[in-house]
Amino acid sequence: MIQKTIQAVQEAEAKAADTLKQADDKASEVLAKANQKAGELKEAVVNEAQERAEKRMETLKVKLKEEEGAFDADTQKEVDALRAIADQREAQAVEMILRELS
């Protein structure tokens, strides 16, 4: 009878050890899958952020080109206005010098 009890205890211990090993194996598997999924999610988030940054950069480049064109046009208008004033004053200066010389 004691032998059967000892055997039953040993079988129960073996079964418990097997159950613990299966639980450890399952936990390792779940952890590995979770780590893999976390890596995939991280990569997806990084890729999405990079794509958004690239799109934003392209948008800013286009806007900068537009503003640069507008700035160049404004600058050219100012240069033309200053040239017109300079031409007018040059003519006035020449006229004044000719009057002084006569």
C-alpha atoms as a PDB file:
ATOM      1  CA  MET A   1       0.000   0.000   0.000  1.00  0.00           C
ATOM      2  CA  ILE A   2       2.826   2.407   0.869  1.00  0.00           C
ATOM      3  CA  GLN A   3       4.506   1.404  -2.377  1.00  0.00           C
ATOM      4  CA  LYS A   4       1.376   2.398  -4.325  1.00  0.00           C
ATOM      5  CA  THR A   5       1.190   5.701  -2.469  1.00  0.00           C
ATOM      6  CA  ILE A   6       4.862   6.426  -3.177  1.00  0.00           C
ATOM      7  CA  GLN A   7       4.329   5.488  -6.811  1.00  0.00           C
ATOM      8  CA  ALA A   8       1.240   7.708  -7.031  1.00  0.00           C
ATOM      9  CA  VAL A   9       3.172  10.609  -5.515  1.00  0.00           C
ATOM     10  CA  GLN A  10       6.051  10.049  -7.922  1.00  0.00           C
ATOM     11  CA  GLU A  11       3.640   9.946 -10.851  1.00  0.00           C
ATOM     12  CA  ALA A  12       1.960  13.114  -9.621  1.00  0.00           C
ATOM     13  CA  GLU A  13       5.347  14.810  -9.244  1.00  0.00           C
ATOM     14  CA  ALA A  14       6.363  13.692 -12.750  1.00  0.00           C
ATOM     15  CA  LYS A  15       3.077  14.941 -14.144  1.00  0.00           C
ATOM     16  CA  ALA A  16       3.487  18.257 -12.297  1.00  0.00           C
ATOM     17  CA  ALA A  17       7.056  18.588 -13.604  1.00  0.00           C
ATOM     18  CA  ASP A  18       5.825  17.852 -17.140  1.00  0.00           C
ATOM     19  CA  THR A  19       3.021  20.390 -16.734  1.00  0.00           C
ATOM     20  CA  LEU A  20       5.542  23.003 -15.521  1.00  0.00           C
ATOM     21  CA  LYS A  21       7.840  22.253 -18.455  1.00  0.00           C
ATOM     22  CA  GLN A  22       4.929  22.614 -20.881  1.00  0.00           C
ATOM     23  CA  ALA A  23       3.946  25.883 -19.210  1.00  0.00           C
ATOM     24  CA  ASP A  24       7.534  27.166 -19.449  1.00  0.00           C
ATOM     25  CA  ASP A  25       7.704  26.137 -23.110  1.00  0.00           C
ATOM     26  CA  LYS A  26       4.371  27.822 -23.824  1.00  0.00           C
ATOM     27  CA  ALA A  27       5.467  30.974 -21.964  1.00  0.00           C
ATOM     28  CA  SER A  28       8.695  31.081 -23.985  1.00  0.00           C
ATOM     29  CA  GLU A  29       6.728  30.643 -27.195  1.00  0.00           C
ATOM     30  CA  VAL A  30       4.258  33.379 -26.257  1.00  0.00           C
ATOM     31  CA  LEU A  31       7.120  35.694 -25.260  1.00  0.00           C
ATOM     32  CA  ALA A  32       8.956  35.043 -28.528  1.00  0.00           C
ATOM     33  CA  LYS A  33       5.794  35.773 -30.531  1.00  0.00           C
ATOM     34  CA  ALA A  34       5.173  38.935 -28.502  1.00  0.00           C
ATOM     35  CA  ASN A  35       8.740  40.113 -29.111  1.00  0.00           C
ATOM     36  CA  GLN A  36       8.393  39.397 -32.825  1.00  0.00           C
ATOM     37  CA  LYS A  37       5.067  41.248 -32.992  1.00  0.00           C
ATOM     38  CA  ALA A  38       6.548  44.188 -31.050  1.00  0.00           C
ATOM     39  CA  GLY A  39       9.447  44.337 -33.507  1.00  0.00           C
ATOM     40  CA  GLU A  40       7.045  44.286 -36.467  1.00  0.00           C
ATOM     41  CA  LEU A  41       4.900  47.024 -34.926  1.00  0.00           C
ATOM     42  CA  LYS A  42       7.959  49.129 -34.161  1.00  0.00           C
ATOM     43  CA  GLU A  43       9.184  48.752 -37.736  1.00  0.00           C
ATOM     44  CA  ALA A  44       5.746  49.675 -39.092  1.00  0.00           C
ATOM     45  CA  VAL A  45       5.571  52.779 -36.898  1.00  0.00           C
ATOM     46  CA  VAL A  46       9.087  53.844 -37.891  1.00  0.00           C
ATOM     47  CA  ASN A  47       8.296  53.319 -41.583  1.00  0.00           C
ATOM     48  CA  GLU A  48       5.061  55.276 -41.307  1.00  0.00           C
ATOM     49  CA  ALA A  49       6.791  58.126 -39.497  1.00  0.00           C
ATOM     50  CA  GLN A  50       9.535  58.165 -42.124  1.00  0.00           C
ATOM     51  CA  GLU A  51       6.986  58.257 -44.949  1.00  0.00           C
ATOM     52  CA  ARG A  52       5.123  61.119 -43.271  1.00  0.00           C
ATOM     53  CA  ALA A  53       8.382  63.009 -42.769  1.00  0.00           C
ATOM     54  CA  GLU A  54       9.320  62.516 -46.429  1.00  0.00           C
ATOM     55  CA  LYS A  55       5.892  63.734 -47.585  1.00  0.00           C
ATOM     56  CA  ARG A  56       6.162  66.758 -45.299  1.00  0.00           C
ATOM     57  CA  MET A  57       9.639  67.479 -46.633  1.00  0.00           C
ATOM     58  CA  GLU A  58       8.370  67.354 -50.219  1.00  0.00           C
ATOM     59  CA  THR A  59       5.485  69.669 -49.329  1.00  0.00           C
ATOM     60  CA  LEU A  60       7.903  72.099 -47.701  1.00  0.00           C
ATOM     61  CA  LYS A  61      10.219  71.964 -50.722  1.00  0.00           C
ATOM     62  CA  VAL A  62       7.335  72.860 -53.040  1.00  0.00           C
ATOM     63  CA  LYS A  63       6.231  75.678 -50.739  1.00  0.00           C
ATOM     64  CA  LEU A  64       9.803  76.958 -50.507  1.00  0.00           C
ATOM     65  CA  LYS A  65      10.118  76.967 -54.311  1.00  0.00           C
ATOM     66  CA  GLU A  66       6.870  78.941 -54.568  1.00  0.00           C
ATOM     67  CA  GLU A  67       7.990  81.439 -51.946  1.00  0.00           C
ATOM     68  CA  GLU A  68      11.404  81.694 -53.581  1.00  0.00           C
ATOM     69  CA  GLY A  69       9.738  82.483 -56.912  1.00  0.00           C
ATOM     70  CA  ALA A  70       7.550  85.135 -55.302  1.00  0.00           C
ATOM     71  CA  PHE A  71      10.584  86.610 -53.523  1.00  0.00           C
ATOM     72  CA  ASP A  72      12.548  86.696 -56.775  1.00  0.00           C
ATOM     73  CA  ALA A  73       9.650  88.446 -58.525  1.00  0.00           C
ATOM     74  CA  ASP A  74       9.379  91.023 -55.725  1.00  0.00           C
ATOM     75  CA  THR A  75      13.129  91.552 -55.750  1.00  0.00           C
ATOM     76  CA  GLN A  76      13.136  92.019 -59.519  1.00  0.00           C
ATOM     77  CA  LYS A  77      10.341  94.599 -59.218  1.00  0.00           C
ATOM     78  CA  GLU A  78      12.370  96.532 -56.637  1.00  0.00           C
ATOM     79  CA  VAL A  79      15.503  96.345 -58.791  1.00  0.00           C
ATOM     80  CA  ASP A  80      13.549  97.590 -61.809  1.00  0.00           C
ATOM     81  CA  ALA A  81      12.077 100.449 -59.765  1.00  0.00           C
ATOM     82  CA  LEU A  82      15.526 101.432 -58.473  1.00  0.00           C
ATOM     83  CA  ARG A  83      16.949 101.307 -62.007  1.00  0.00           C
ATOM     84  CA  ALA A  84      14.135 103.553 -63.230  1.00  0.00           C
ATOM     85  CA  ILE A  85      14.862 106.029 -60.432  1.00  0.00           C
ATOM     86  CA  ALA A  86      18.602 105.836 -61.174  1.00  0.00           C
ATOM     87  CA  ASP A  87      18.000 106.399 -64.888  1.00  0.00           C
ATOM     88  CA  GLN A  88      15.777 109.369 -64.105  1.00  0.00           C
ATOM     89  CA  ARG A  89      18.317 110.873 -61.716  1.00  0.00           C
ATOM     90  CA  GLU A  90      21.133 110.220 -64.167  1.00  0.00           C
ATOM     91  CA  ALA A  91      19.231 112.158 -66.801  1.00  0.00           C
ATOM     92  CA  GLN A  92      18.618 114.970 -64.304  1.00  0.00           C
ATOM     93  CA  ALA A  93      22.312 114.977 -63.348  1.00  0.00           C
ATOM     94  CA  VAL A  94      23.422 115.137 -66.965  1.00  0.00           C
ATOM     95  CA  GLU A  95      20.953 117.946 -67.613  1.00  0.00           C
ATOM     96  CA  MET A  96      22.153 119.839 -64.543  1.00  0.00           C
ATOM     97  CA  ILE A  97      25.829 119.439 -65.512  1.00  0.00           C
ATOM     98  CA  LEU A  98      25.092 120.643 -69.050  1.00  0.00           C
ATOM     99  CA  ARG A  99      23.319 123.714 -67.618  1.00  0.00           C
ATOM    100  CA  GLU A 100      26.283 124.462 -65.392  1.00  0.00           C
ATOM    101  CA  LEU A 101      28.693 124.147 -68.273  1.00  0.00           C
ATOM    102  CA  SER A 102      26.763 126.478 -70.549  1.00  0.00           C
END
